[in-house]
């Protein structure tokens, strides 16, 4: 699904117009978003059915731009799913294939291993950023149906799993002397609140590595039940970011993001002209993509 994006009708003019404006002002466009691997699966061609598996995580971590001597990405998204029936914190997008899911610490251990090896070998960790970003998404349901949400105990356990992951990522970065950023994300307000309520969350914030909370927005209701209105997310727990799909986001929503001073991020599957048009117009700080080499190449050509 791509959906309309009602901004302007000629997306190919945007890049040209921006370039002319930059030349007229005697300046160079220095826009450089953080490129994140969507669902630990950004090897092309896209295969969403393989999202959040160790196989795709391994392949995505190995993506490297040999010509430029750097990775195609600046970070990785890890999906976490609290399997209510088994009381396990999984690295998984859903429960469609529980037999191939592993616990979330397996994904973290592999990321730590790759980053530490590169840091010791003095190989760039990212495409363009000073630090490696790890997005930890906490899924809002605990069974195959999205209507099966967390109990209070499950919510606390899931939040604790996220905190454990962040602590491991930060400890490895400290040990091997590189920088990371840990960003927790969820469609569910209660899970972001649960993270904030965990006594160890304040300890994470005291570290030198940035830690943040992000609101996820996707397919609007009534087409899907995951996305909830922004006003249901608490405004007193330090949420400072929002990540949206550009094809399902309209102009009034951007005005709301600005009014709440939320830093904008995009997430996406296949790249189409509407995607690139939205990036040029709204300049999200981060872009979570299923097509890392393609997006990195487009950014290199348009924002060198």
C-alpha atoms as a PDB file:
ATOM      1  CA  UNK A   1       0.000   0.000   0.000  1.00  0.00           C
ATOM      2  CA  UNK A   2       1.444   3.361  -0.984  1.00  0.00           C
ATOM      3  CA  UNK A   3      -1.472   5.739  -0.515  1.00  0.00           C
ATOM      4  CA  UNK A   4      -1.659   9.392  -1.624  1.00  0.00           C
ATOM      5  CA  UNK A   5       0.519  12.086  -0.138  1.00  0.00           C
ATOM      6  CA  UNK A   6      -1.158  15.452  -0.807  1.00  0.00           C
ATOM      7  CA  UNK A   7       1.704  17.940  -0.891  1.00  0.00           C
ATOM      8  CA  UNK A   8       2.684  18.776  -4.472  1.00  0.00           C
ATOM      9  CA  UNK A   9       1.994  17.080  -7.781  1.00  0.00           C
ATOM     10  CA  UNK A  10       5.470  17.151  -9.310  1.00  0.00           C
ATOM     11  CA  UNK A  11       7.936  15.389  -6.961  1.00  0.00           C
ATOM     12  CA  UNK A  12      10.728  15.567  -9.541  1.00  0.00           C
ATOM     13  CA  UNK A  13      10.758  19.366  -9.165  1.00  0.00           C
ATOM     14  CA  UNK A  14      11.555  19.244  -5.458  1.00  0.00           C
ATOM     15  CA  UNK A  15      15.169  18.196  -5.785  1.00  0.00           C
ATOM     16  CA  UNK A  16      15.733  20.711  -8.587  1.00  0.00           C
ATOM     17  CA  UNK A  17      14.091  23.511  -6.628  1.00  0.00           C
ATOM     18  CA  UNK A  18      16.083  22.719  -3.496  1.00  0.00           C
ATOM     19  CA  UNK A  19      19.321  22.673  -5.482  1.00  0.00           C
ATOM     20  CA  UNK A  20      18.581  26.047  -7.093  1.00  0.00           C
ATOM     21  CA  UNK A  21      17.714  27.525  -3.692  1.00  0.00           C
ATOM     22  CA  UNK A  22      20.954  26.225  -2.194  1.00  0.00           C
ATOM     23  CA  UNK A  23      23.013  27.667  -5.066  1.00  0.00           C
ATOM     24  CA  UNK A  24      21.282  31.022  -4.834  1.00  0.00           C
ATOM     25  CA  UNK A  25      22.181  31.253  -1.161  1.00  0.00           C
ATOM     26  CA  UNK A  26      25.746  30.070  -1.744  1.00  0.00           C
ATOM     27  CA  UNK A  27      25.363  27.063   0.551  1.00  0.00           C
ATOM     28  CA  UNK A  28      25.427  23.273   0.334  1.00  0.00           C
ATOM     29  CA  UNK A  29      22.573  21.079   1.525  1.00  0.00           C
ATOM     30  CA  UNK A  30      23.962  19.116   4.473  1.00  0.00           C
ATOM     31  CA  UNK A  31      20.885  16.995   5.203  1.00  0.00           C
ATOM     32  CA  UNK A  32      22.025  13.558   6.395  1.00  0.00           C
ATOM     33  CA  UNK A  33      19.333  11.408   7.995  1.00  0.00           C
ATOM     34  CA  UNK A  34      20.170   8.381  10.109  1.00  0.00           C
ATOM     35  CA  UNK A  35      19.465   5.266   7.997  1.00  0.00           C
ATOM     36  CA  UNK A  36      18.100   2.353  10.036  1.00  0.00           C
ATOM     37  CA  UNK A  37      17.556  -1.229   8.893  1.00  0.00           C
ATOM     38  CA  UNK A  38      13.813  -1.924   9.111  1.00  0.00           C
ATOM     39  CA  UNK A  39      12.851  -5.014  11.133  1.00  0.00           C
ATOM     40  CA  UNK A  40      16.462  -6.259  10.942  1.00  0.00           C
ATOM     41  CA  UNK A  41      15.759  -7.005   7.274  1.00  0.00           C
ATOM     42  CA  UNK A  42      17.032  -4.521   4.691  1.00  0.00           C
ATOM     43  CA  UNK A  43      18.734  -6.748   2.123  1.00  0.00           C
ATOM     44  CA  UNK A  44      17.247  -6.387  -1.343  1.00  0.00           C
ATOM     45  CA  UNK A  45      14.965  -7.547  -2.859  1.00  0.00           C
ATOM     46  CA  UNK A  46      12.587  -7.001   0.035  1.00  0.00           C
ATOM     47  CA  UNK A  47      11.047 -10.029   1.745  1.00  0.00           C
ATOM     48  CA  UNK A  48       8.763  -8.820   4.563  1.00  0.00           C
ATOM     49  CA  UNK A  49       7.816 -12.379   5.441  1.00  0.00           C
ATOM     50  CA  UNK A  50      11.408 -12.806   6.671  1.00  0.00           C
ATOM     51  CA  UNK A  51      11.352  -9.784   9.007  1.00  0.00           C
ATOM     52  CA  UNK A  52      12.962 -10.088  12.430  1.00  0.00           C
ATOM     53  CA  UNK A  53      14.805 -13.364  12.030  1.00  0.00           C
ATOM     54  CA  UNK A  54      18.407 -14.161  12.880  1.00  0.00           C
ATOM     55  CA  UNK A  55      19.086 -14.981   9.222  1.00  0.00           C
ATOM     56  CA  UNK A  56      18.014 -11.556   7.995  1.00  0.00           C
ATOM     57  CA  UNK A  57      19.734  -9.853  10.927  1.00  0.00           C
ATOM     58  CA  UNK A  58      23.018 -11.550  10.007  1.00  0.00           C
ATOM     59  CA  UNK A  59      22.670 -10.620   6.331  1.00  0.00           C
ATOM     60  CA  UNK A  60      21.730  -7.021   7.139  1.00  0.00           C
ATOM     61  CA  UNK A  61      24.666  -6.576   9.518  1.00  0.00           C
ATOM     62  CA  UNK A  62      26.955  -7.654   6.686  1.00  0.00           C
ATOM     63  CA  UNK A  63      25.675  -5.000   4.257  1.00  0.00           C
ATOM     64  CA  UNK A  64      28.734  -2.920   3.386  1.00  0.00           C
ATOM     65  CA  UNK A  65      29.392  -0.299   0.730  1.00  0.00           C
ATOM     66  CA  UNK A  66      32.779  -1.447  -0.561  1.00  0.00           C
ATOM     67  CA  UNK A  67      33.130   1.560  -2.858  1.00  0.00           C
ATOM     68  CA  UNK A  68      32.815   4.036   0.001  1.00  0.00           C
ATOM     69  CA  UNK A  69      34.331   1.826   2.696  1.00  0.00           C
ATOM     70  CA  UNK A  70      31.416   2.019   5.101  1.00  0.00           C
ATOM     71  CA  UNK A  71      28.129   0.249   5.933  1.00  0.00           C
ATOM     72  CA  UNK A  72      24.934   1.194   4.113  1.00  0.00           C
ATOM     73  CA  UNK A  73      23.178   1.786   7.443  1.00  0.00           C
ATOM     74  CA  UNK A  74      23.572   3.732  10.672  1.00  0.00           C
ATOM     75  CA  UNK A  75      21.652   1.327  12.864  1.00  0.00           C
ATOM     76  CA  UNK A  76      19.317  -1.614  13.328  1.00  0.00           C
ATOM     77  CA  UNK A  77      15.703  -2.073  14.390  1.00  0.00           C
ATOM     78  CA  UNK A  78      15.002  -5.016  16.701  1.00  0.00           C
ATOM     79  CA  UNK A  79      11.411  -6.159  17.189  1.00  0.00           C
ATOM     80  CA  UNK A  80      10.579  -7.621  20.582  1.00  0.00           C
ATOM     81  CA  UNK A  81       7.479  -9.722  21.152  1.00  0.00           C
ATOM     82  CA  UNK A  82       6.337 -10.831  24.591  1.00  0.00           C
ATOM     83  CA  UNK A  83       4.971 -14.362  24.097  1.00  0.00           C
ATOM     84  CA  UNK A  84       2.351 -14.461  26.819  1.00  0.00           C
ATOM     85  CA  UNK A  85       1.730 -18.191  26.756  1.00  0.00           C
ATOM     86  CA  UNK A  86       5.419 -19.015  27.247  1.00  0.00           C
ATOM     87  CA  UNK A  87       6.421 -15.898  29.214  1.00  0.00           C
ATOM     88  CA  UNK A  88       9.307 -15.268  26.834  1.00  0.00           C
ATOM     89  CA  UNK A  89      10.731 -12.105  25.300  1.00  0.00           C
ATOM     90  CA  UNK A  90      11.313 -12.968  21.648  1.00  0.00           C
ATOM     91  CA  UNK A  91      13.186 -11.367  18.805  1.00  0.00           C
ATOM     92  CA  UNK A  92      10.213 -11.621  16.461  1.00  0.00           C
ATOM     93  CA  UNK A  93       7.811  -9.526  14.434  1.00  0.00           C
ATOM     94  CA  UNK A  94       4.796 -11.626  15.448  1.00  0.00           C
ATOM     95  CA  UNK A  95       3.853 -15.200  16.294  1.00  0.00           C
ATOM     96  CA  UNK A  96       3.356 -16.431  12.739  1.00  0.00           C
ATOM     97  CA  UNK A  97       6.451 -18.632  13.055  1.00  0.00           C
ATOM     98  CA  UNK A  98       7.244 -19.155  16.740  1.00  0.00           C
ATOM     99  CA  UNK A  99       9.366 -22.200  15.899  1.00  0.00           C
ATOM    100  CA  UNK A 100      12.036 -20.023  14.286  1.00  0.00           C
ATOM    101  CA  UNK A 101      11.994 -17.200  16.830  1.00  0.00           C
ATOM    102  CA  UNK A 102      14.813 -16.764  19.333  1.00  0.00           C
ATOM    103  CA  UNK A 103      14.934 -14.813  22.557  1.00  0.00           C
ATOM    104  CA  UNK A 104      15.737 -11.132  22.193  1.00  0.00           C
ATOM    105  CA  UNK A 105      19.137 -11.404  23.837  1.00  0.00           C
ATOM    106  CA  UNK A 106      20.374 -13.479  20.874  1.00  0.00           C
ATOM    107  CA  UNK A 107      19.871 -10.503  18.540  1.00  0.00           C
ATOM    108  CA  UNK A 108      21.578  -8.142  20.958  1.00  0.00           C
ATOM    109  CA  UNK A 109      24.544 -10.469  21.384  1.00  0.00           C
ATOM    110  CA  UNK A 110      25.057 -10.638  17.626  1.00  0.00           C
ATOM    111  CA  UNK A 111      24.886  -6.867  17.198  1.00  0.00           C
ATOM    112  CA  UNK A 112      27.352  -6.425  20.054  1.00  0.00           C
ATOM    113  CA  UNK A 113      29.731  -8.919  18.474  1.00  0.00           C
ATOM    114  CA  UNK A 114      29.704  -7.220  15.061  1.00  0.00           C
ATOM    115  CA  UNK A 115      30.082  -3.696  16.432  1.00  0.00           C
ATOM    116  CA  UNK A 116      32.882  -4.637  18.822  1.00  0.00           C
ATOM    117  CA  UNK A 117      34.782  -6.477  16.079  1.00  0.00           C
ATOM    118  CA  UNK A 118      34.532  -3.487  13.758  1.00  0.00           C
ATOM    119  CA  UNK A 119      35.501  -1.043  16.478  1.00  0.00           C
ATOM    120  CA  UNK A 120      38.611  -3.069  17.333  1.00  0.00           C
ATOM    121  CA  UNK A 121      39.532  -3.296  13.643  1.00  0.00           C
ATOM    122  CA  UNK A 122      38.937   0.454  13.171  1.00  0.00           C
ATOM    123  CA  UNK A 123      36.235  -0.205  10.557  1.00  0.00           C
ATOM    124  CA  UNK A 124      33.423   2.375  10.333  1.00  0.00           C
ATOM    125  CA  UNK A 125      30.363   1.313  12.300  1.00  0.00           C
ATOM    126  CA  UNK A 126      27.864   3.448  10.409  1.00  0.00           C
ATOM    127  CA  UNK A 127      27.139   5.100   7.105  1.00  0.00           C
ATOM    128  CA  UNK A 128      27.284   8.692   8.306  1.00  0.00           C
ATOM    129  CA  UNK A 129      26.503   9.042  12.006  1.00  0.00           C
ATOM    130  CA  UNK A 130      28.844   9.361  14.967  1.00  0.00           C
ATOM    131  CA  UNK A 131      27.041   6.590  16.804  1.00  0.00           C
ATOM    132  CA  UNK A 132      25.224   3.368  16.014  1.00  0.00           C
ATOM    133  CA  UNK A 133      21.477   3.551  16.623  1.00  0.00           C
ATOM    134  CA  UNK A 134      19.478   0.585  17.866  1.00  0.00           C
ATOM    135  CA  UNK A 135      15.696   0.857  17.691  1.00  0.00           C
ATOM    136  CA  UNK A 136      13.941  -1.523  20.071  1.00  0.00           C
ATOM    137  CA  UNK A 137      10.281  -1.906  19.184  1.00  0.00           C
ATOM    138  CA  UNK A 138       8.016  -3.408  21.840  1.00  0.00           C
ATOM    139  CA  UNK A 139       5.063  -5.085  20.142  1.00  0.00           C
ATOM    140  CA  UNK A 140       1.713  -4.341  21.744  1.00  0.00           C
ATOM    141  CA  UNK A 141       0.157  -7.820  21.705  1.00  0.00           C
ATOM    142  CA  UNK A 142       1.152 -11.113  23.337  1.00  0.00           C
ATOM    143  CA  UNK A 143      -0.533 -13.683  21.080  1.00  0.00           C
ATOM    144  CA  UNK A 144      -1.308 -14.017  17.352  1.00  0.00           C
ATOM    145  CA  UNK A 145      -4.229 -11.577  17.587  1.00  0.00           C
ATOM    146  CA  UNK A 146      -3.443  -7.883  18.009  1.00  0.00           C
ATOM    147  CA  UNK A 147      -6.401  -7.684  20.366  1.00  0.00           C
ATOM    148  CA  UNK A 148      -4.559  -9.806  22.964  1.00  0.00           C
ATOM    149  CA  UNK A 149      -2.752  -7.058  24.828  1.00  0.00           C
ATOM    150  CA  UNK A 150      -0.482  -7.266  27.870  1.00  0.00           C
ATOM    151  CA  UNK A 151      -1.593  -7.867  31.409  1.00  0.00           C
ATOM    152  CA  UNK A 152       0.022  -5.581  33.971  1.00  0.00           C
ATOM    153  CA  UNK A 153       2.572  -8.274  34.799  1.00  0.00           C
ATOM    154  CA  UNK A 154       3.361  -8.991  31.158  1.00  0.00           C
ATOM    155  CA  UNK A 155       3.762  -5.296  30.473  1.00  0.00           C
ATOM    156  CA  UNK A 156       6.317  -4.930  33.276  1.00  0.00           C
ATOM    157  CA  UNK A 157       8.169  -8.048  32.094  1.00  0.00           C
ATOM    158  CA  UNK A 158       8.292  -6.823  28.502  1.00  0.00           C
ATOM    159  CA  UNK A 159       9.583  -3.430  29.594  1.00  0.00           C
ATOM    160  CA  UNK A 160      12.217  -5.154  31.731  1.00  0.00           C
ATOM    161  CA  UNK A 161      13.324  -7.133  28.687  1.00  0.00           C
ATOM    162  CA  UNK A 162      13.819  -3.896  26.773  1.00  0.00           C
ATOM    163  CA  UNK A 163      15.850  -2.426  29.620  1.00  0.00           C
ATOM    164  CA  UNK A 164      18.009  -5.573  29.733  1.00  0.00           C
ATOM    165  CA  UNK A 165      18.715  -5.226  26.017  1.00  0.00           C
ATOM    166  CA  UNK A 166      19.681  -1.572  26.361  1.00  0.00           C
ATOM    167  CA  UNK A 167      21.991  -2.307  29.273  1.00  0.00           C
ATOM    168  CA  UNK A 168      23.772  -4.999  27.249  1.00  0.00           C
ATOM    169  CA  UNK A 169      24.177  -2.723  24.220  1.00  0.00           C
ATOM    170  CA  UNK A 170      25.553   0.112  26.324  1.00  0.00           C
ATOM    171  CA  UNK A 171      27.891  -2.155  28.313  1.00  0.00           C
ATOM    172  CA  UNK A 172      29.418  -3.518  25.100  1.00  0.00           C
ATOM    173  CA  UNK A 173      29.840  -0.020  23.694  1.00  0.00           C
ATOM    174  CA  UNK A 174      31.599   1.106  26.870  1.00  0.00           C
ATOM    175  CA  UNK A 175      33.870  -1.930  26.909  1.00  0.00           C
ATOM    176  CA  UNK A 176      34.925  -1.565  23.279  1.00  0.00           C
ATOM    177  CA  UNK A 177      34.860   2.241  23.170  1.00  0.00           C
ATOM    178  CA  UNK A 178      32.258   3.132  20.591  1.00  0.00           C
ATOM    179  CA  UNK A 179      29.037   5.120  20.766  1.00  0.00           C
ATOM    180  CA  UNK A 180      25.469   3.815  20.623  1.00  0.00           C
ATOM    181  CA  UNK A 181      22.018   5.334  20.799  1.00  0.00           C
ATOM    182  CA  UNK A 182      19.127   3.227  22.129  1.00  0.00           C
ATOM    183  CA  UNK A 183      15.630   4.227  21.060  1.00  0.00           C
ATOM    184  CA  UNK A 184      12.579   2.449  22.474  1.00  0.00           C
ATOM    185  CA  UNK A 185       9.486   2.468  20.250  1.00  0.00           C
ATOM    186  CA  UNK A 186       5.925   1.220  20.494  1.00  0.00           C
ATOM    187  CA  UNK A 187       2.441   1.645  19.109  1.00  0.00           C
ATOM    188  CA  UNK A 188       1.194   1.039  22.673  1.00  0.00           C
ATOM    189  CA  UNK A 189       1.276   3.968  25.126  1.00  0.00           C
ATOM    190  CA  UNK A 190       1.262   1.565  28.096  1.00  0.00           C
ATOM    191  CA  UNK A 191       4.554   0.018  27.012  1.00  0.00           C
ATOM    192  CA  UNK A 192       6.345   3.360  26.799  1.00  0.00           C
ATOM    193  CA  UNK A 193       4.915   4.188  30.219  1.00  0.00           C
ATOM    194  CA  UNK A 194       6.114   0.790  31.475  1.00  0.00           C
ATOM    195  CA  UNK A 195       9.647   1.519  30.313  1.00  0.00           C
ATOM    196  CA  UNK A 196       9.619   4.865  32.069  1.00  0.00           C
ATOM    197  CA  UNK A 197       8.257   3.280  35.235  1.00  0.00           C
ATOM    198  CA  UNK A 198      11.008   0.642  35.373  1.00  0.00           C
ATOM    199  CA  UNK A 199      13.451   1.780  38.108  1.00  0.00           C
ATOM    200  CA  UNK A 200      16.397   1.090  35.801  1.00  0.00           C
ATOM    201  CA  UNK A 201      15.220   3.457  33.076  1.00  0.00           C
ATOM    202  CA  UNK A 202      16.556   6.494  34.935  1.00  0.00           C
ATOM    203  CA  UNK A 203      19.916   4.719  35.188  1.00  0.00           C
ATOM    204  CA  UNK A 204      19.955   4.341  31.409  1.00  0.00           C
ATOM    205  CA  UNK A 205      19.271   8.033  31.000  1.00  0.00           C
ATOM    206  CA  UNK A 206      22.238   8.820  33.221  1.00  0.00           C
ATOM    207  CA  UNK A 207      24.606   7.043  30.811  1.00  0.00           C
ATOM    208  CA  UNK A 208      26.573   9.014  28.232  1.00  0.00           C
ATOM    209  CA  UNK A 209      24.827   7.112  25.433  1.00  0.00           C
ATOM    210  CA  UNK A 210      21.513   8.692  24.370  1.00  0.00           C
ATOM    211  CA  UNK A 211      18.299   6.859  25.284  1.00  0.00           C
ATOM    212  CA  UNK A 212      14.924   7.938  23.901  1.00  0.00           C
ATOM    213  CA  UNK A 213      11.230   7.048  23.704  1.00  0.00           C
ATOM    214  CA  UNK A 214       9.405   7.099  20.362  1.00  0.00           C
ATOM    215  CA  UNK A 215       5.732   6.954  19.381  1.00  0.00           C
ATOM    216  CA  UNK A 216       4.999   4.645  16.458  1.00  0.00           C
ATOM    217  CA  UNK A 217       2.223   5.469  14.005  1.00  0.00           C
ATOM    218  CA  UNK A 218       1.172   3.347  11.035  1.00  0.00           C
ATOM    219  CA  UNK A 219      -1.956   2.338   9.167  1.00  0.00           C
ATOM    220  CA  UNK A 220      -4.811   4.536  10.417  1.00  0.00           C
ATOM    221  CA  UNK A 221      -7.980   3.199  11.981  1.00  0.00           C
ATOM    222  CA  UNK A 222     -10.316   1.578  11.069  1.00  0.00           C
ATOM    223  CA  UNK A 223      -7.989  -0.210   8.625  1.00  0.00           C
ATOM    224  CA  UNK A 224      -5.789  -1.395  11.502  1.00  0.00           C
ATOM    225  CA  UNK A 225      -6.068  -1.219  15.295  1.00  0.00           C
ATOM    226  CA  UNK A 226      -2.392  -0.684  16.183  1.00  0.00           C
ATOM    227  CA  UNK A 227      -2.203   3.066  15.637  1.00  0.00           C
ATOM    228  CA  UNK A 228      -3.728   5.100  18.451  1.00  0.00           C
ATOM    229  CA  UNK A 229      -4.174   8.888  18.678  1.00  0.00           C
ATOM    230  CA  UNK A 230      -1.206  10.901  19.856  1.00  0.00           C
ATOM    231  CA  UNK A 231      -3.137  12.291  22.805  1.00  0.00           C
ATOM    232  CA  UNK A 232      -3.216   8.810  24.346  1.00  0.00           C
ATOM    233  CA  UNK A 233       0.558   8.895  24.789  1.00  0.00           C
ATOM    234  CA  UNK A 234       1.632  10.523  28.069  1.00  0.00           C
ATOM    235  CA  UNK A 235       3.391  13.852  27.667  1.00  0.00           C
ATOM    236  CA  UNK A 236       5.246  13.706  30.988  1.00  0.00           C
ATOM    237  CA  UNK A 237       7.612  10.744  30.477  1.00  0.00           C
ATOM    238  CA  UNK A 238      10.051  12.339  28.063  1.00  0.00           C
ATOM    239  CA  UNK A 239       8.705  11.096  24.725  1.00  0.00           C
ATOM    240  CA  UNK A 240      10.475  13.288  22.196  1.00  0.00           C
ATOM    241  CA  UNK A 241      10.169  11.413  18.893  1.00  0.00           C
ATOM    242  CA  UNK A 242       7.578  10.004  16.521  1.00  0.00           C
ATOM    243  CA  UNK A 243       8.109   7.503  13.705  1.00  0.00           C
ATOM    244  CA  UNK A 244       5.501   7.373  10.950  1.00  0.00           C
ATOM    245  CA  UNK A 245       4.932   5.844   7.528  1.00  0.00           C
ATOM    246  CA  UNK A 246       4.940   8.780   5.081  1.00  0.00           C
ATOM    247  CA  UNK A 247       2.214   7.331   2.858  1.00  0.00           C
ATOM    248  CA  UNK A 248      -0.292   7.254   5.713  1.00  0.00           C
ATOM    249  CA  UNK A 249       0.555  10.639   7.230  1.00  0.00           C
ATOM    250  CA  UNK A 250      -1.260  13.822   6.313  1.00  0.00           C
ATOM    251  CA  UNK A 251      -0.338  17.476   6.708  1.00  0.00           C
ATOM    252  CA  UNK A 252      -2.355  18.095   9.911  1.00  0.00           C
ATOM    253  CA  UNK A 253      -0.427  15.296  11.629  1.00  0.00           C
ATOM    254  CA  UNK A 254       2.883  17.036  10.916  1.00  0.00           C
ATOM    255  CA  UNK A 255       1.499  20.164  12.528  1.00  0.00           C
ATOM    256  CA  UNK A 256       0.637  18.149  15.637  1.00  0.00           C
ATOM    257  CA  UNK A 257       4.147  16.656  15.731  1.00  0.00           C
ATOM    258  CA  UNK A 258       5.604  20.151  15.624  1.00  0.00           C
ATOM    259  CA  UNK A 259       3.271  21.429  18.326  1.00  0.00           C
ATOM    260  CA  UNK A 260       4.431  18.619  20.635  1.00  0.00           C
ATOM    261  CA  UNK A 261       8.049  19.209  19.586  1.00  0.00           C
ATOM    262  CA  UNK A 262       8.423  15.603  18.434  1.00  0.00           C
ATOM    263  CA  UNK A 263      11.432  14.780  16.310  1.00  0.00           C
ATOM    264  CA  UNK A 264      10.295  13.136  13.070  1.00  0.00           C
ATOM    265  CA  UNK A 265      11.318   9.719  11.809  1.00  0.00           C
ATOM    266  CA  UNK A 266      10.042   7.646   8.887  1.00  0.00           C
ATOM    267  CA  UNK A 267       9.627   3.895   8.491  1.00  0.00           C
ATOM    268  CA  UNK A 268       8.883   2.169   5.217  1.00  0.00           C
ATOM    269  CA  UNK A 269       8.957  -0.974   3.110  1.00  0.00           C
ATOM    270  CA  UNK A 270       9.385  -0.443  -0.651  1.00  0.00           C
ATOM    271  CA  UNK A 271      10.650   2.924  -1.851  1.00  0.00           C
ATOM    272  CA  UNK A 272       8.415   4.664  -4.386  1.00  0.00           C
ATOM    273  CA  UNK A 273       8.385   8.258  -5.712  1.00  0.00           C
ATOM    274  CA  UNK A 274       5.967   9.359  -2.964  1.00  0.00           C
ATOM    275  CA  UNK A 275       8.481   8.145  -0.378  1.00  0.00           C
ATOM    276  CA  UNK A 276      11.332  10.201  -1.802  1.00  0.00           C
ATOM    277  CA  UNK A 277       9.072  13.238  -2.188  1.00  0.00           C
ATOM    278  CA  UNK A 278       8.106  13.061   1.497  1.00  0.00           C
ATOM    279  CA  UNK A 279      11.760  12.785   2.548  1.00  0.00           C
ATOM    280  CA  UNK A 280      12.681  15.856   0.526  1.00  0.00           C
ATOM    281  CA  UNK A 281       9.807  17.880   1.945  1.00  0.00           C
ATOM    282  CA  UNK A 282       9.803  16.869   5.611  1.00  0.00           C
ATOM    283  CA  UNK A 283      13.464  15.947   6.200  1.00  0.00           C
ATOM    284  CA  UNK A 284      12.990  13.244   8.867  1.00  0.00           C
ATOM    285  CA  UNK A 285      15.932  12.807  11.230  1.00  0.00           C
ATOM    286  CA  UNK A 286      15.853   9.042  10.783  1.00  0.00           C
ATOM    287  CA  UNK A 287      14.619   6.743   8.021  1.00  0.00           C
ATOM    288  CA  UNK A 288      13.943   3.095   8.801  1.00  0.00           C
ATOM    289  CA  UNK A 289      14.027   1.263   5.471  1.00  0.00           C
ATOM    290  CA  UNK A 290      13.705  -2.243   4.050  1.00  0.00           C
ATOM    291  CA  UNK A 291      15.915  -1.186   1.110  1.00  0.00           C
ATOM    292  CA  UNK A 292      19.113   0.112   2.650  1.00  0.00           C
ATOM    293  CA  UNK A 293      21.419   0.052  -0.406  1.00  0.00           C
ATOM    294  CA  UNK A 294      18.844   1.781  -2.610  1.00  0.00           C
ATOM    295  CA  UNK A 295      18.044   4.491  -0.074  1.00  0.00           C
ATOM    296  CA  UNK A 296      21.715   5.087   0.754  1.00  0.00           C
ATOM    297  CA  UNK A 297      22.490   5.451  -2.964  1.00  0.00           C
ATOM    298  CA  UNK A 298      19.662   7.944  -3.447  1.00  0.00           C
ATOM    299  CA  UNK A 299      20.810   9.980  -0.450  1.00  0.00           C
ATOM    300  CA  UNK A 300      24.403   9.975  -1.728  1.00  0.00           C
ATOM    301  CA  UNK A 301      23.261  11.322  -5.091  1.00  0.00           C
ATOM    302  CA  UNK A 302      20.859  13.939  -3.762  1.00  0.00           C
ATOM    303  CA  UNK A 303      22.565  15.028  -0.532  1.00  0.00           C
ATOM    304  CA  UNK A 304      26.307  14.458  -1.118  1.00  0.00           C
END
